[in-house]
PDB file of N, CA and C in Angstrom:
ATOM      1  N   UNK A   1      13.466  31.015  14.304  1.00  0.00           N
ATOM      2  CA  UNK A   1      12.066  30.788  14.093  1.00  0.00           C
ATOM      3  C   UNK A   1      11.283  31.331  15.227  1.00  0.00           C
ATOM      4  N   UNK A   2      11.869  31.435  16.451  1.00  0.00           N
ATOM      5  CA  UNK A   2      11.217  31.982  17.655  1.00  0.00           C
ATOM      6  C   UNK A   2      10.773  33.396  17.438  1.00  0.00           C
ATOM      7  N   UNK A   3      11.561  34.292  17.029  1.00  0.00           N
ATOM      8  CA  UNK A   3      11.085  35.586  16.862  1.00  0.00           C
ATOM      9  C   UNK A   3       9.822  35.695  15.907  1.00  0.00           C
ATOM     10  N   UNK A   4       9.934  34.973  14.856  1.00  0.00           N
ATOM     11  CA  UNK A   4       8.747  34.938  13.923  1.00  0.00           C
ATOM     12  C   UNK A   4       7.428  34.451  14.679  1.00  0.00           C
ATOM     13  N   UNK A   5       7.612  33.325  15.304  1.00  0.00           N
ATOM     14  CA  UNK A   5       6.484  32.769  16.068  1.00  0.00           C
ATOM     15  C   UNK A   5       5.965  33.754  17.127  1.00  0.00           C
ATOM     16  N   UNK A   6       6.833  34.331  17.811  1.00  0.00           N
ATOM     17  CA  UNK A   6       6.594  35.224  18.907  1.00  0.00           C
ATOM     18  C   UNK A   6       5.745  36.421  18.409  1.00  0.00           C
ATOM     19  N   UNK A   7       6.147  37.021  17.269  1.00  0.00           N
ATOM     20  CA  UNK A   7       5.474  38.172  16.684  1.00  0.00           C
ATOM     21  C   UNK A   7       4.004  37.754  16.106  1.00  0.00           C
ATOM     22  N   UNK A   8       4.084  36.511  15.516  1.00  0.00           N
ATOM     23  CA  UNK A   8       2.826  36.057  15.055  1.00  0.00           C
ATOM     24  C   UNK A   8       1.786  35.830  16.136  1.00  0.00           C
ATOM     25  N   UNK A   9       2.235  35.264  17.274  1.00  0.00           N
ATOM     26  CA  UNK A   9       1.365  35.001  18.359  1.00  0.00           C
ATOM     27  C   UNK A   9       0.865  36.440  19.002  1.00  0.00           C
ATOM     28  N   UNK A  10       1.764  37.295  19.070  1.00  0.00           N
ATOM     29  CA  UNK A  10       1.391  38.623  19.595  1.00  0.00           C
ATOM     30  C   UNK A  10       0.318  39.377  18.760  1.00  0.00           C
ATOM     31  N   UNK A  11       0.476  39.177  17.411  1.00  0.00           N
ATOM     32  CA  UNK A  11      -0.415  39.813  16.496  1.00  0.00           C
ATOM     33  C   UNK A  11      -1.733  39.070  16.312  1.00  0.00           C
ATOM     34  N   UNK A  12      -1.783  37.738  16.657  1.00  0.00           N
ATOM     35  CA  UNK A  12      -2.988  36.911  16.465  1.00  0.00           C
ATOM     36  C   UNK A  12      -3.221  36.220  17.750  1.00  0.00           C
ATOM     37  N   UNK A  13      -3.990  36.764  18.716  1.00  0.00           N
ATOM     38  CA  UNK A  13      -4.068  36.207  19.981  1.00  0.00           C
ATOM     39  C   UNK A  13      -4.881  34.926  20.000  1.00  0.00           C
ATOM     40  N   UNK A  14      -5.878  34.645  19.123  1.00  0.00           N
ATOM     41  CA  UNK A  14      -6.659  33.556  19.223  1.00  0.00           C
ATOM     42  C   UNK A  14      -5.961  32.375  18.400  1.00  0.00           C
ATOM     43  N   UNK A  15      -6.164  31.057  18.842  1.00  0.00           N
ATOM     44  CA  UNK A  15      -5.491  30.006  18.145  1.00  0.00           C
ATOM     45  C   UNK A  15      -5.896  29.852  16.721  1.00  0.00           C
ATOM     46  N   UNK A  16      -7.166  30.210  16.343  1.00  0.00           N
ATOM     47  CA  UNK A  16      -7.478  30.058  14.968  1.00  0.00           C
ATOM     48  C   UNK A  16      -6.829  31.069  14.192  1.00  0.00           C
ATOM     49  N   UNK A  17      -6.724  32.348  14.614  1.00  0.00           N
ATOM     50  CA  UNK A  17      -5.990  33.391  13.873  1.00  0.00           C
ATOM     51  C   UNK A  17      -4.549  33.021  13.691  1.00  0.00           C
ATOM     52  N   UNK A  18      -3.894  32.469  14.819  1.00  0.00           N
ATOM     53  CA  UNK A  18      -2.513  32.054  14.778  1.00  0.00           C
ATOM     54  C   UNK A  18      -2.253  30.995  13.687  1.00  0.00           C
ATOM     55  N   UNK A  19      -3.153  29.973  13.747  1.00  0.00           N
ATOM     56  CA  UNK A  19      -3.039  28.847  12.807  1.00  0.00           C
ATOM     57  C   UNK A  19      -3.160  29.348  11.330  1.00  0.00           C
ATOM     58  N   UNK A  20      -4.071  30.224  11.106  1.00  0.00           N
ATOM     59  CA  UNK A  20      -4.337  30.717   9.715  1.00  0.00           C
ATOM     60  C   UNK A  20      -3.201  31.458   9.225  1.00  0.00           C
ATOM     61  N   UNK A  21      -2.619  32.432  10.133  1.00  0.00           N
ATOM     62  CA  UNK A  21      -1.452  33.182   9.754  1.00  0.00           C
ATOM     63  C   UNK A  21      -0.274  32.354   9.488  1.00  0.00           C
ATOM     64  N   UNK A  22       0.046  31.368  10.341  1.00  0.00           N
ATOM     65  CA  UNK A  22       1.097  30.487  10.180  1.00  0.00           C
ATOM     66  C   UNK A  22       1.001  29.653   8.923  1.00  0.00           C
ATOM     67  N   UNK A  23      -0.173  29.181   8.587  1.00  0.00           N
ATOM     68  CA  UNK A  23      -0.434  28.405   7.352  1.00  0.00           C
ATOM     69  C   UNK A  23      -0.112  29.285   6.132  1.00  0.00           C
ATOM     70  N   UNK A  24      -0.556  30.536   6.137  1.00  0.00           N
ATOM     71  CA  UNK A  24      -0.299  31.429   4.973  1.00  0.00           C
ATOM     72  C   UNK A  24       1.226  31.746   4.882  1.00  0.00           C
ATOM     73  N   UNK A  25       1.965  31.887   5.894  1.00  0.00           N
ATOM     74  CA  UNK A  25       3.376  32.135   5.867  1.00  0.00           C
ATOM     75  C   UNK A  25       4.119  30.956   5.515  1.00  0.00           C
ATOM     76  N   UNK A  26       3.773  29.769   5.922  1.00  0.00           N
ATOM     77  CA  UNK A  26       4.546  28.574   5.654  1.00  0.00           C
ATOM     78  C   UNK A  26       4.328  28.049   4.291  1.00  0.00           C
ATOM     79  N   UNK A  27       3.059  28.201   3.758  1.00  0.00           N
ATOM     80  CA  UNK A  27       2.583  27.489   2.573  1.00  0.00           C
ATOM     81  C   UNK A  27       3.567  27.645   1.351  1.00  0.00           C
ATOM     82  N   UNK A  28       4.069  28.905   1.055  1.00  0.00           N
ATOM     83  CA  UNK A  28       5.029  28.984  -0.003  1.00  0.00           C
ATOM     84  C   UNK A  28       6.290  28.162   0.211  1.00  0.00           C
ATOM     85  N   UNK A  29       6.810  28.112   1.418  1.00  0.00           N
ATOM     86  CA  UNK A  29       7.962  27.343   1.715  1.00  0.00           C
ATOM     87  C   UNK A  29       7.683  25.922   1.410  1.00  0.00           C
ATOM     88  N   UNK A  30       6.554  25.344   1.936  1.00  0.00           N
ATOM     89  CA  UNK A  30       6.169  23.932   1.727  1.00  0.00           C
ATOM     90  C   UNK A  30       5.904  23.637   0.244  1.00  0.00           C
ATOM     91  N   UNK A  31       5.260  24.535  -0.502  1.00  0.00           N
ATOM     92  CA  UNK A  31       5.027  24.397  -1.969  1.00  0.00           C
ATOM     93  C   UNK A  31       6.394  24.236  -2.587  1.00  0.00           C
ATOM     94  N   UNK A  32       7.305  25.105  -2.245  1.00  0.00           N
ATOM     95  CA  UNK A  32       8.642  25.070  -3.038  1.00  0.00           C
ATOM     96  C   UNK A  32       9.341  23.704  -2.553  1.00  0.00           C
ATOM     97  N   UNK A  33       9.258  23.311  -1.332  1.00  0.00           N
ATOM     98  CA  UNK A  33       9.795  22.028  -0.952  1.00  0.00           C
ATOM     99  C   UNK A  33       9.148  20.872  -1.817  1.00  0.00           C
ATOM    100  N   UNK A  34       7.918  20.868  -1.896  1.00  0.00           N
ATOM    101  CA  UNK A  34       7.134  19.848  -2.572  1.00  0.00           C
ATOM    102  C   UNK A  34       7.624  19.812  -4.117  1.00  0.00           C
ATOM    103  N   UNK A  35       7.689  20.976  -4.634  1.00  0.00           N
ATOM    104  CA  UNK A  35       8.134  20.951  -6.028  1.00  0.00           C
ATOM    105  C   UNK A  35       9.576  20.462  -6.217  1.00  0.00           C
ATOM    106  N   UNK A  36      10.468  20.842  -5.308  1.00  0.00           N
ATOM    107  CA  UNK A  36      11.772  20.430  -5.342  1.00  0.00           C
ATOM    108  C   UNK A  36      11.871  18.925  -5.257  1.00  0.00           C
ATOM    109  N   UNK A  37      11.146  18.354  -4.287  1.00  0.00           N
ATOM    110  CA  UNK A  37      11.210  16.955  -4.095  1.00  0.00           C
ATOM    111  C   UNK A  37      10.589  16.171  -5.184  1.00  0.00           C
ATOM    112  N   UNK A  38       9.527  16.747  -5.855  1.00  0.00           N
ATOM    113  CA  UNK A  38       8.849  16.057  -7.073  1.00  0.00           C
ATOM    114  C   UNK A  38       9.825  16.137  -8.186  1.00  0.00           C
ATOM    115  N   UNK A  39      10.585  17.121  -8.395  1.00  0.00           N
ATOM    116  CA  UNK A  39      11.539  17.136  -9.512  1.00  0.00           C
ATOM    117  C   UNK A  39      12.625  16.183  -9.270  1.00  0.00           C
ATOM    118  N   UNK A  40      13.083  15.992  -8.009  1.00  0.00           N
ATOM    119  CA  UNK A  40      14.193  15.076  -7.765  1.00  0.00           C
ATOM    120  C   UNK A  40      13.586  13.657  -7.966  1.00  0.00           C
ATOM    121  N   UNK A  41      12.371  13.396  -7.591  1.00  0.00           N
ATOM    122  CA  UNK A  41      11.760  12.085  -7.745  1.00  0.00           C
ATOM    123  C   UNK A  41      11.635  11.767  -9.168  1.00  0.00           C
ATOM    124  N   UNK A  42      11.220  12.697 -10.011  1.00  0.00           N
ATOM    125  CA  UNK A  42      11.007  12.580 -11.359  1.00  0.00           C
ATOM    126  C   UNK A  42      12.396  12.270 -12.058  1.00  0.00           C
ATOM    127  N   UNK A  43      13.336  12.961 -11.701  1.00  0.00           N
ATOM    128  CA  UNK A  43      14.654  12.895 -12.261  1.00  0.00           C
ATOM    129  C   UNK A  43      15.356  11.515 -11.925  1.00  0.00           C
ATOM    130  N   UNK A  44      15.258  11.119 -10.766  1.00  0.00           N
ATOM    131  CA  UNK A  44      15.869   9.760 -10.321  1.00  0.00           C
ATOM    132  C   UNK A  44      15.118   9.249  -9.080  1.00  0.00           C
ATOM    133  N   UNK A  45      14.144   8.333  -9.419  1.00  0.00           N
ATOM    134  CA  UNK A  45      13.447   7.706  -8.308  1.00  0.00           C
ATOM    135  C   UNK A  45      14.347   6.958  -7.306  1.00  0.00           C
ATOM    136  N   UNK A  46      15.455   6.576  -7.750  1.00  0.00           N
ATOM    137  CA  UNK A  46      16.400   5.798  -6.720  1.00  0.00           C
ATOM    138  C   UNK A  46      16.907   6.716  -5.637  1.00  0.00           C
ATOM    139  N   UNK A  47      16.833   8.030  -5.821  1.00  0.00           N
ATOM    140  CA  UNK A  47      17.278   8.969  -4.765  1.00  0.00           C
ATOM    141  C   UNK A  47      16.487   8.688  -3.419  1.00  0.00           C
ATOM    142  N   UNK A  48      15.216   8.189  -3.578  1.00  0.00           N
ATOM    143  CA  UNK A  48      14.313   7.943  -2.532  1.00  0.00           C
ATOM    144  C   UNK A  48      14.150   6.567  -2.133  1.00  0.00           C
ATOM    145  N   UNK A  49      15.035   5.725  -2.629  1.00  0.00           N
ATOM    146  CA  UNK A  49      14.949   4.278  -2.396  1.00  0.00           C
ATOM    147  C   UNK A  49      16.121   3.787  -1.634  1.00  0.00           C
ATOM    148  N   UNK A  50      15.898   2.920  -0.644  1.00  0.00           N
ATOM    149  CA  UNK A  50      16.901   2.289   0.019  1.00  0.00           C
ATOM    150  C   UNK A  50      17.338   0.942  -0.683  1.00  0.00           C
ATOM    151  N   UNK A  51      18.445   0.751  -1.066  1.00  0.00           N
ATOM    152  CA  UNK A  51      18.860  -0.489  -1.817  1.00  0.00           C
ATOM    153  C   UNK A  51      18.271  -1.741  -1.251  1.00  0.00           C
ATOM    154  N   UNK A  52      17.554  -2.511  -1.945  1.00  0.00           N
ATOM    155  CA  UNK A  52      16.982  -3.688  -1.465  1.00  0.00           C
ATOM    156  C   UNK A  52      15.594  -3.584  -0.829  1.00  0.00           C
ATOM    157  N   UNK A  53      15.100  -2.407  -0.661  1.00  0.00           N
ATOM    158  CA  UNK A  53      13.845  -2.292   0.046  1.00  0.00           C
ATOM    159  C   UNK A  53      12.827  -1.987  -1.038  1.00  0.00           C
ATOM    160  N   UNK A  54      11.741  -2.672  -1.014  1.00  0.00           N
ATOM    161  CA  UNK A  54      10.669  -2.575  -2.023  1.00  0.00           C
ATOM    162  C   UNK A  54       9.490  -1.844  -1.354  1.00  0.00           C
ATOM    163  N   UNK A  55       9.591  -1.436  -0.102  1.00  0.00           N
ATOM    164  CA  UNK A  55       8.538  -0.795   0.574  1.00  0.00           C
ATOM    165  C   UNK A  55       8.731   0.736   0.813  1.00  0.00           C
ATOM    166  N   UNK A  56       9.782   1.232   0.065  1.00  0.00           N
ATOM    167  CA  UNK A  56      10.154   2.632   0.200  1.00  0.00           C
ATOM    168  C   UNK A  56       9.136   3.556  -0.322  1.00  0.00           C
ATOM    169  N   UNK A  57       9.100   4.782  -0.008  1.00  0.00           N
ATOM    170  CA  UNK A  57       8.117   5.794  -0.514  1.00  0.00           C
ATOM    171  C   UNK A  57       8.144   5.776  -2.157  1.00  0.00           C
ATOM    172  N   UNK A  58       9.276   5.733  -2.722  1.00  0.00           N
ATOM    173  CA  UNK A  58       9.317   5.756  -4.146  1.00  0.00           C
ATOM    174  C   UNK A  58       8.596   4.577  -4.807  1.00  0.00           C
ATOM    175  N   UNK A  59       8.854   3.367  -4.205  1.00  0.00           N
ATOM    176  CA  UNK A  59       8.163   2.165  -4.735  1.00  0.00           C
ATOM    177  C   UNK A  59       6.714   2.272  -4.532  1.00  0.00           C
ATOM    178  N   UNK A  60       6.295   2.728  -3.377  1.00  0.00           N
ATOM    179  CA  UNK A  60       4.900   2.910  -3.040  1.00  0.00           C
ATOM    180  C   UNK A  60       4.259   3.749  -4.034  1.00  0.00           C
ATOM    181  N   UNK A  61       4.859   4.921  -4.310  1.00  0.00           N
ATOM    182  CA  UNK A  61       4.294   5.934  -5.314  1.00  0.00           C
ATOM    183  C   UNK A  61       4.238   5.312  -6.668  1.00  0.00           C
ATOM    184  N   UNK A  62       5.296   4.648  -7.081  1.00  0.00           N
ATOM    185  CA  UNK A  62       5.365   4.023  -8.395  1.00  0.00           C
ATOM    186  C   UNK A  62       4.123   3.020  -8.577  1.00  0.00           C
ATOM    187  N   UNK A  63       3.956   2.266  -7.567  1.00  0.00           N
ATOM    188  CA  UNK A  63       2.868   1.279  -7.685  1.00  0.00           C
ATOM    189  C   UNK A  63       1.516   1.969  -7.693  1.00  0.00           C
ATOM    190  N   UNK A  64       1.340   3.061  -6.850  1.00  0.00           N
ATOM    191  CA  UNK A  64       0.112   3.711  -6.746  1.00  0.00           C
ATOM    192  C   UNK A  64      -0.210   4.477  -8.084  1.00  0.00           C
ATOM    193  N   UNK A  65       0.733   5.141  -8.698  1.00  0.00           N
ATOM    194  CA  UNK A  65       0.477   5.870  -9.875  1.00  0.00           C
ATOM    195  C   UNK A  65       0.242   4.783 -10.987  1.00  0.00           C
ATOM    196  N   UNK A  66       0.962   3.663 -10.972  1.00  0.00           N
ATOM    197  CA  UNK A  66       0.714   2.692 -12.041  1.00  0.00           C
ATOM    198  C   UNK A  66      -0.649   2.129 -11.935  1.00  0.00           C
ATOM    199  N   UNK A  67      -1.104   1.850 -10.593  1.00  0.00           N
ATOM    200  CA  UNK A  67      -2.485   1.397 -10.485  1.00  0.00           C
ATOM    201  C   UNK A  67      -3.545   2.354 -10.863  1.00  0.00           C
ATOM    202  N   UNK A  68      -3.354   3.684 -10.654  1.00  0.00           N
ATOM    203  CA  UNK A  68      -4.257   4.712 -11.020  1.00  0.00           C
ATOM    204  C   UNK A  68      -4.255   4.774 -12.547  1.00  0.00           C
ATOM    205  N   UNK A  69      -3.207   4.692 -13.266  1.00  0.00           N
ATOM    206  CA  UNK A  69      -3.140   4.736 -14.706  1.00  0.00           C
ATOM    207  C   UNK A  69      -3.900   3.592 -15.270  1.00  0.00           C
ATOM    208  N   UNK A  70      -3.708   2.363 -14.712  1.00  0.00           N
ATOM    209  CA  UNK A  70      -4.343   1.187 -15.204  1.00  0.00           C
ATOM    210  C   UNK A  70      -5.836   1.248 -14.998  1.00  0.00           C
ATOM    211  N   UNK A  71      -6.287   1.815 -13.852  1.00  0.00           N
ATOM    212  CA  UNK A  71      -7.688   1.931 -13.574  1.00  0.00           C
ATOM    213  C   UNK A  71      -8.323   2.950 -14.508  1.00  0.00           C
ATOM    214  N   UNK A  72      -7.530   4.035 -14.856  1.00  0.00           N
ATOM    215  CA  UNK A  72      -8.021   5.139 -15.653  1.00  0.00           C
ATOM    216  C   UNK A  72      -8.203   4.512 -17.179  1.00  0.00           C
ATOM    217  N   UNK A  73      -7.237   3.886 -17.632  1.00  0.00           N
ATOM    218  CA  UNK A  73      -7.286   3.322 -19.009  1.00  0.00           C
ATOM    219  C   UNK A  73      -8.340   2.182 -19.123  1.00  0.00           C
ATOM    220  N   UNK A  74      -8.539   1.418 -18.012  1.00  0.00           N
ATOM    221  CA  UNK A  74      -9.531   0.319 -18.058  1.00  0.00           C
ATOM    222  C   UNK A  74     -10.923   0.898 -18.015  1.00  0.00           C
ATOM    223  N   UNK A  75     -11.098   2.081 -17.417  1.00  0.00           N
ATOM    224  CA  UNK A  75     -12.470   2.546 -17.268  1.00  0.00           C
ATOM    225  C   UNK A  75     -12.837   3.413 -18.430  1.00  0.00           C
TER     226      UNK A  75
END
């Protein structure tokens, strides 16, 4: 990662240019990671749950999505 960041800093001396270039370069990677995680969550939410824990991210998202759906159908 260092050679990439070193070249990016050399090509974009201002912090704003560096941040913009870094965001553009990393965005596809993060999009792919997001898609992969969402597919895994959809396939088996228990992958993201610690046994016995009701405050895990999967439980939170299930409650949040259920609440949003209930509000949408109620409105």
